[in-house]
Amino acid sequence: MKRAKLTGKGLKDLRALVYRRSQGLCDWCGKGVREDAFEMHHRLLKSRLGPDAPWNCVVLHSSCHAWITRHPERAKELGFEISRYDPNPDSVPMWLHQQYAVIPDGGGWAQTLVAA
């Protein structure tokens, strides 16, 4: 099975939407990142057929992206990595800007409570 992916204008529009949602901040460390320099991380990994969709993509510095890649268990605990077996991957909360949030497909994010 092949992963459906965006190209061209569709991918450019997704990157712009994800960047606007992040308010120009890395979703991992919270520090500023330039629009032309961020990496778009897929929470449900592309290698696991994760889609190019707003709920699945976050803005990261390259160094933060590398850290998440090297620490998948911690990334999963904080919602930066999602299992392909999760029945509702688009509703998995993540630690975003000092609070847990879910990322709906419309491009924004909504604070949520997570049981400890």
N, C-alpha and C. Protein backbone atom coordinates (compact mmCIF):
# COMPACT_ATOMS: atom_id res chain seq x y z
N MET A 1 0.84 -1.17 0.00
CA MET A 1 0.00 0.00 0.00
C MET A 1 0.89 1.24 0.00
N LYS A 2 0.54 2.22 -0.83
CA LYS A 2 1.30 3.46 -0.92
C LYS A 2 0.61 4.55 -0.12
N ARG A 3 1.42 5.45 0.40
CA ARG A 3 0.92 6.59 1.16
C ARG A 3 0.46 7.68 0.21
N ALA A 4 -0.76 8.18 0.43
CA ALA A 4 -1.23 9.32 -0.35
C ALA A 4 -0.51 10.56 0.18
N LYS A 5 0.08 11.32 -0.70
CA LYS A 5 0.80 12.50 -0.24
C LYS A 5 0.49 13.70 -1.10
N LEU A 6 0.60 14.86 -0.49
CA LEU A 6 0.40 16.12 -1.19
C LEU A 6 1.67 16.53 -1.91
N THR A 7 1.51 17.24 -2.99
CA THR A 7 2.65 17.80 -3.70
C THR A 7 2.27 19.21 -4.15
N GLY A 8 3.24 19.95 -4.61
CA GLY A 8 2.98 21.26 -5.19
C GLY A 8 2.23 22.21 -4.29
N LYS A 9 1.18 22.83 -4.82
CA LYS A 9 0.41 23.83 -4.09
C LYS A 9 -0.25 23.24 -2.85
N GLY A 10 -0.73 22.01 -2.93
CA GLY A 10 -1.36 21.38 -1.77
C GLY A 10 -0.41 21.27 -0.59
N LEU A 11 0.82 20.85 -0.86
CA LEU A 11 1.82 20.73 0.20
C LEU A 11 2.22 22.12 0.72
N LYS A 12 2.36 23.09 -0.19
CA LYS A 12 2.71 24.45 0.21
C LYS A 12 1.61 25.04 1.11
N ASP A 13 0.35 24.81 0.76
CA ASP A 13 -0.77 25.30 1.57
C ASP A 13 -0.79 24.64 2.95
N LEU A 14 -0.51 23.34 3.01
CA LEU A 14 -0.48 22.63 4.29
C LEU A 14 0.65 23.19 5.17
N ARG A 15 1.82 23.39 4.60
CA ARG A 15 2.94 23.94 5.37
C ARG A 15 2.58 25.33 5.91
N ALA A 16 1.92 26.16 5.11
CA ALA A 16 1.52 27.50 5.55
C ALA A 16 0.50 27.42 6.69
N LEU A 17 -0.47 26.52 6.58
CA LEU A 17 -1.48 26.35 7.61
C LEU A 17 -0.85 25.88 8.92
N VAL A 18 0.02 24.89 8.84
CA VAL A 18 0.68 24.34 10.03
C VAL A 18 1.56 25.41 10.68
N TYR A 19 2.24 26.21 9.88
CA TYR A 19 3.10 27.28 10.42
C TYR A 19 2.25 28.35 11.10
N ARG A 20 1.14 28.75 10.49
CA ARG A 20 0.25 29.74 11.11
C ARG A 20 -0.27 29.22 12.45
N ARG A 21 -0.66 27.96 12.48
CA ARG A 21 -1.17 27.37 13.71
C ARG A 21 -0.12 27.42 14.82
N SER A 22 1.14 27.20 14.47
CA SER A 22 2.23 27.20 15.46
C SER A 22 2.59 28.61 15.93
N GLN A 23 2.07 29.62 15.26
CA GLN A 23 2.37 31.03 15.56
C GLN A 23 3.86 31.31 15.46
N GLY A 24 4.52 30.59 14.54
CA GLY A 24 5.95 30.81 14.31
C GLY A 24 6.84 30.20 15.37
N LEU A 25 6.29 29.27 16.18
CA LEU A 25 7.07 28.63 17.24
C LEU A 25 7.23 27.15 16.95
N CYS A 26 8.37 26.62 17.34
CA CYS A 26 8.59 25.18 17.26
C CYS A 26 7.62 24.52 18.23
N ASP A 27 6.88 23.53 17.77
CA ASP A 27 5.89 22.87 18.62
C ASP A 27 6.54 21.99 19.69
N TRP A 28 7.84 21.74 19.60
CA TRP A 28 8.52 20.95 20.62
C TRP A 28 9.11 21.85 21.71
N CYS A 29 9.97 22.80 21.32
CA CYS A 29 10.68 23.60 22.33
C CYS A 29 10.04 24.95 22.60
N GLY A 30 9.16 25.40 21.72
CA GLY A 30 8.46 26.67 21.94
C GLY A 30 9.23 27.90 21.50
N LYS A 31 10.41 27.72 20.93
CA LYS A 31 11.20 28.86 20.46
C LYS A 31 10.84 29.19 19.02
N GLY A 32 11.12 30.42 18.62
CA GLY A 32 10.80 30.88 17.29
C GLY A 32 11.53 30.08 16.20
N VAL A 33 10.84 29.92 15.07
CA VAL A 33 11.42 29.24 13.92
C VAL A 33 10.95 29.97 12.66
N ARG A 34 11.85 30.17 11.74
CA ARG A 34 11.49 30.87 10.49
C ARG A 34 10.63 29.97 9.60
N GLU A 35 9.75 30.60 8.87
CA GLU A 35 8.85 29.84 7.99
C GLU A 35 9.61 29.09 6.92
N ASP A 36 10.74 29.62 6.49
CA ASP A 36 11.51 28.94 5.45
C ASP A 36 12.51 27.93 6.01
N ALA A 37 12.50 27.74 7.35
CA ALA A 37 13.51 26.87 7.95
C ALA A 37 12.94 25.73 8.78
N PHE A 38 11.62 25.66 8.97
CA PHE A 38 11.08 24.61 9.83
C PHE A 38 10.96 23.27 9.10
N GLU A 39 10.97 22.21 9.89
CA GLU A 39 10.69 20.88 9.36
C GLU A 39 9.30 20.48 9.80
N MET A 40 8.56 19.86 8.91
CA MET A 40 7.20 19.43 9.20
C MET A 40 7.24 17.96 9.60
N HIS A 41 6.98 17.71 10.87
CA HIS A 41 6.99 16.35 11.42
C HIS A 41 5.61 15.74 11.32
N HIS A 42 5.56 14.48 10.90
CA HIS A 42 4.31 13.73 10.84
C HIS A 42 4.19 12.88 12.10
N ARG A 43 3.16 13.13 12.90
CA ARG A 43 2.96 12.41 14.15
C ARG A 43 2.71 10.92 13.89
N LEU A 44 1.85 10.62 12.95
CA LEU A 44 1.72 9.25 12.43
C LEU A 44 2.71 9.22 11.27
N LEU A 45 3.83 8.58 11.50
CA LEU A 45 4.97 8.68 10.60
C LEU A 45 4.62 8.36 9.15
N LYS A 46 5.29 9.05 8.24
CA LYS A 46 5.09 8.79 6.81
C LYS A 46 5.41 7.34 6.48
N SER A 47 6.41 6.79 7.16
CA SER A 47 6.79 5.39 6.90
C SER A 47 5.69 4.42 7.34
N ARG A 48 4.75 4.92 8.15
CA ARG A 48 3.61 4.10 8.59
C ARG A 48 2.32 4.57 7.91
N LEU A 49 2.50 5.20 6.75
CA LEU A 49 1.40 5.68 5.91
C LEU A 49 0.65 6.87 6.51
N GLY A 50 1.32 7.63 7.36
CA GLY A 50 0.70 8.83 7.93
C GLY A 50 0.40 9.86 6.85
N PRO A 51 -0.80 10.44 6.89
CA PRO A 51 -1.20 11.37 5.83
C PRO A 51 -0.62 12.77 6.00
N ASP A 52 -0.61 13.49 4.90
CA ASP A 52 -0.31 14.91 4.92
C ASP A 52 -1.62 15.61 5.28
N ALA A 53 -1.86 15.81 6.59
CA ALA A 53 -3.09 16.41 7.08
C ALA A 53 -2.76 17.30 8.27
N PRO A 54 -3.53 18.37 8.48
CA PRO A 54 -3.21 19.28 9.58
C PRO A 54 -3.10 18.60 10.94
N TRP A 55 -3.97 17.66 11.26
CA TRP A 55 -3.91 16.99 12.57
C TRP A 55 -2.64 16.17 12.73
N ASN A 56 -2.01 15.81 11.64
CA ASN A 56 -0.86 14.92 11.67
C ASN A 56 0.48 15.64 11.59
N CYS A 57 0.48 16.94 11.35
CA CYS A 57 1.73 17.66 11.08
C CYS A 57 1.99 18.75 12.11
N VAL A 58 3.25 18.85 12.53
CA VAL A 58 3.67 19.88 13.47
C VAL A 58 4.96 20.53 12.99
N VAL A 59 5.22 21.73 13.50
CA VAL A 59 6.38 22.54 13.13
C VAL A 59 7.52 22.25 14.11
N LEU A 60 8.70 21.95 13.58
CA LEU A 60 9.86 21.68 14.44
C LEU A 60 11.14 22.29 13.86
N HIS A 61 12.05 22.66 14.77
CA HIS A 61 13.43 22.95 14.34
C HIS A 61 14.04 21.61 13.89
N SER A 62 15.06 21.66 13.08
CA SER A 62 15.70 20.41 12.64
C SER A 62 16.29 19.66 13.84
N SER A 63 16.86 20.38 14.82
CA SER A 63 17.44 19.70 15.98
C SER A 63 16.35 19.07 16.85
N CYS A 64 15.21 19.72 16.98
CA CYS A 64 14.09 19.15 17.75
C CYS A 64 13.52 17.93 17.03
N HIS A 65 13.45 18.01 15.72
CA HIS A 65 12.98 16.87 14.93
C HIS A 65 13.91 15.68 15.11
N ALA A 66 15.20 15.93 15.13
CA ALA A 66 16.18 14.86 15.33
C ALA A 66 16.02 14.24 16.72
N TRP A 67 15.78 15.07 17.74
CA TRP A 67 15.60 14.55 19.10
C TRP A 67 14.37 13.64 19.16
N ILE A 68 13.28 14.08 18.58
CA ILE A 68 12.05 13.28 18.57
C ILE A 68 12.29 11.95 17.86
N THR A 69 13.02 11.98 16.78
CA THR A 69 13.31 10.75 16.03
C THR A 69 14.15 9.78 16.86
N ARG A 70 15.08 10.32 17.65
CA ARG A 70 15.95 9.46 18.48
C ARG A 70 15.28 8.99 19.76
N HIS A 71 14.17 9.61 20.16
CA HIS A 71 13.49 9.28 21.43
C HIS A 71 12.01 8.99 21.17
N PRO A 72 11.70 7.93 20.42
CA PRO A 72 10.30 7.68 20.05
C PRO A 72 9.37 7.40 21.23
N GLU A 73 9.86 6.77 22.29
CA GLU A 73 8.98 6.49 23.43
C GLU A 73 8.54 7.78 24.11
N ARG A 74 9.48 8.70 24.33
CA ARG A 74 9.13 9.99 24.95
C ARG A 74 8.24 10.79 24.01
N ALA A 75 8.54 10.74 22.72
CA ALA A 75 7.71 11.44 21.73
C ALA A 75 6.28 10.90 21.76
N LYS A 76 6.14 9.59 21.90
CA LYS A 76 4.81 8.99 21.96
C LYS A 76 4.08 9.41 23.24
N GLU A 77 4.79 9.46 24.37
CA GLU A 77 4.17 9.88 25.63
C GLU A 77 3.58 11.29 25.52
N LEU A 78 4.23 12.15 24.76
CA LEU A 78 3.79 13.53 24.62
C LEU A 78 2.95 13.77 23.37
N GLY A 79 2.62 12.72 22.64
CA GLY A 79 1.74 12.84 21.48
C GLY A 79 2.41 13.29 20.20
N PHE A 80 3.74 13.31 20.18
CA PHE A 80 4.45 13.69 18.96
C PHE A 80 4.64 12.50 18.02
N GLU A 81 4.32 11.33 18.51
CA GLU A 81 4.30 10.14 17.66
C GLU A 81 3.04 9.36 18.00
N ILE A 82 2.37 8.87 16.97
CA ILE A 82 1.10 8.17 17.12
C ILE A 82 1.24 6.77 16.52
N SER A 83 0.66 5.80 17.19
CA SER A 83 0.67 4.43 16.67
C SER A 83 -0.26 4.31 15.47
N ARG A 84 0.17 3.55 14.50
CA ARG A 84 -0.70 3.33 13.34
C ARG A 84 -1.90 2.46 13.70
N TYR A 85 -1.87 1.86 14.86
CA TYR A 85 -2.98 1.01 15.30
C TYR A 85 -4.00 1.77 16.13
N ASP A 86 -3.75 3.05 16.41
CA ASP A 86 -4.72 3.85 17.16
C ASP A 86 -5.97 4.01 16.32
N PRO A 87 -7.15 3.66 16.86
CA PRO A 87 -8.37 3.74 16.05
C PRO A 87 -8.79 5.17 15.71
N ASN A 88 -8.35 6.16 16.50
CA ASN A 88 -8.70 7.56 16.26
C ASN A 88 -7.44 8.43 16.34
N PRO A 89 -6.53 8.29 15.41
CA PRO A 89 -5.26 9.02 15.53
C PRO A 89 -5.43 10.54 15.52
N ASP A 90 -6.47 11.03 14.89
CA ASP A 90 -6.67 12.48 14.83
C ASP A 90 -7.17 13.07 16.14
N SER A 91 -7.47 12.22 17.13
CA SER A 91 -7.92 12.73 18.43
C SER A 91 -6.90 12.49 19.54
N VAL A 92 -5.70 12.04 19.18
CA VAL A 92 -4.64 11.83 20.18
C VAL A 92 -4.08 13.19 20.60
N PRO A 93 -4.18 13.52 21.91
CA PRO A 93 -3.66 14.81 22.35
C PRO A 93 -2.14 14.83 22.34
N MET A 94 -1.59 16.03 22.27
CA MET A 94 -0.14 16.20 22.33
C MET A 94 0.19 17.39 23.22
N TRP A 95 1.40 17.38 23.77
CA TRP A 95 1.89 18.47 24.60
C TRP A 95 2.30 19.60 23.66
N LEU A 96 1.51 20.66 23.65
CA LEU A 96 1.69 21.72 22.66
C LEU A 96 1.63 23.07 23.36
N HIS A 97 2.70 23.81 23.33
CA HIS A 97 2.74 25.16 23.93
C HIS A 97 2.32 25.13 25.40
N GLN A 98 2.93 24.23 26.16
CA GLN A 98 2.78 24.12 27.60
C GLN A 98 1.40 23.64 28.06
N GLN A 99 0.69 22.93 27.20
CA GLN A 99 -0.59 22.34 27.58
C GLN A 99 -0.91 21.20 26.63
N TYR A 100 -1.77 20.32 27.05
CA TYR A 100 -2.20 19.26 26.14
C TYR A 100 -3.28 19.81 25.23
N ALA A 101 -3.21 19.43 23.98
CA ALA A 101 -4.16 19.91 22.99
C ALA A 101 -4.42 18.82 21.96
N VAL A 102 -5.56 18.93 21.32
CA VAL A 102 -5.84 18.11 20.15
C VAL A 102 -5.80 19.04 18.95
N ILE A 103 -5.45 18.47 17.81
CA ILE A 103 -5.32 19.27 16.60
C ILE A 103 -6.37 18.81 15.60
N PRO A 104 -7.47 19.53 15.50
CA PRO A 104 -8.49 19.15 14.51
C PRO A 104 -7.99 19.43 13.09
N ASP A 105 -8.66 18.88 12.12
CA ASP A 105 -8.20 19.02 10.74
C ASP A 105 -8.36 20.44 10.19
N GLY A 106 -9.09 21.30 10.86
CA GLY A 106 -9.28 22.66 10.37
C GLY A 106 -8.07 23.54 10.50
N GLY A 107 -7.05 23.08 11.24
CA GLY A 107 -5.82 23.84 11.31
C GLY A 107 -5.55 24.53 12.62
N GLY A 108 -6.51 24.64 13.50
CA GLY A 108 -6.27 25.24 14.81
C GLY A 108 -5.88 24.15 15.80
N TRP A 109 -5.99 24.47 17.07
CA TRP A 109 -5.80 23.45 18.10
C TRP A 109 -6.68 23.83 19.28
N ALA A 110 -7.05 22.83 20.07
CA ALA A 110 -7.94 23.05 21.20
C ALA A 110 -7.36 22.39 22.44
N GLN A 111 -7.32 23.16 23.54
CA GLN A 111 -6.81 22.63 24.80
C GLN A 111 -7.70 21.47 25.25
N THR A 112 -7.08 20.48 25.87
CA THR A 112 -7.81 19.34 26.38
C THR A 112 -7.20 18.88 27.69
N LEU A 113 -7.95 18.14 28.45
CA LEU A 113 -7.46 17.57 29.69
C LEU A 113 -6.99 16.16 29.42
N VAL A 114 -5.89 15.78 30.04
CA VAL A 114 -5.35 14.44 29.88
C VAL A 114 -5.20 13.84 31.26
N ALA A 115 -5.70 12.61 31.43
CA ALA A 115 -5.58 11.94 32.74
C ALA A 115 -4.13 11.58 33.00
N ALA A 116 -3.70 11.79 34.23
CA ALA A 116 -2.31 11.49 34.59
C ALA A 116 -2.11 10.01 34.81
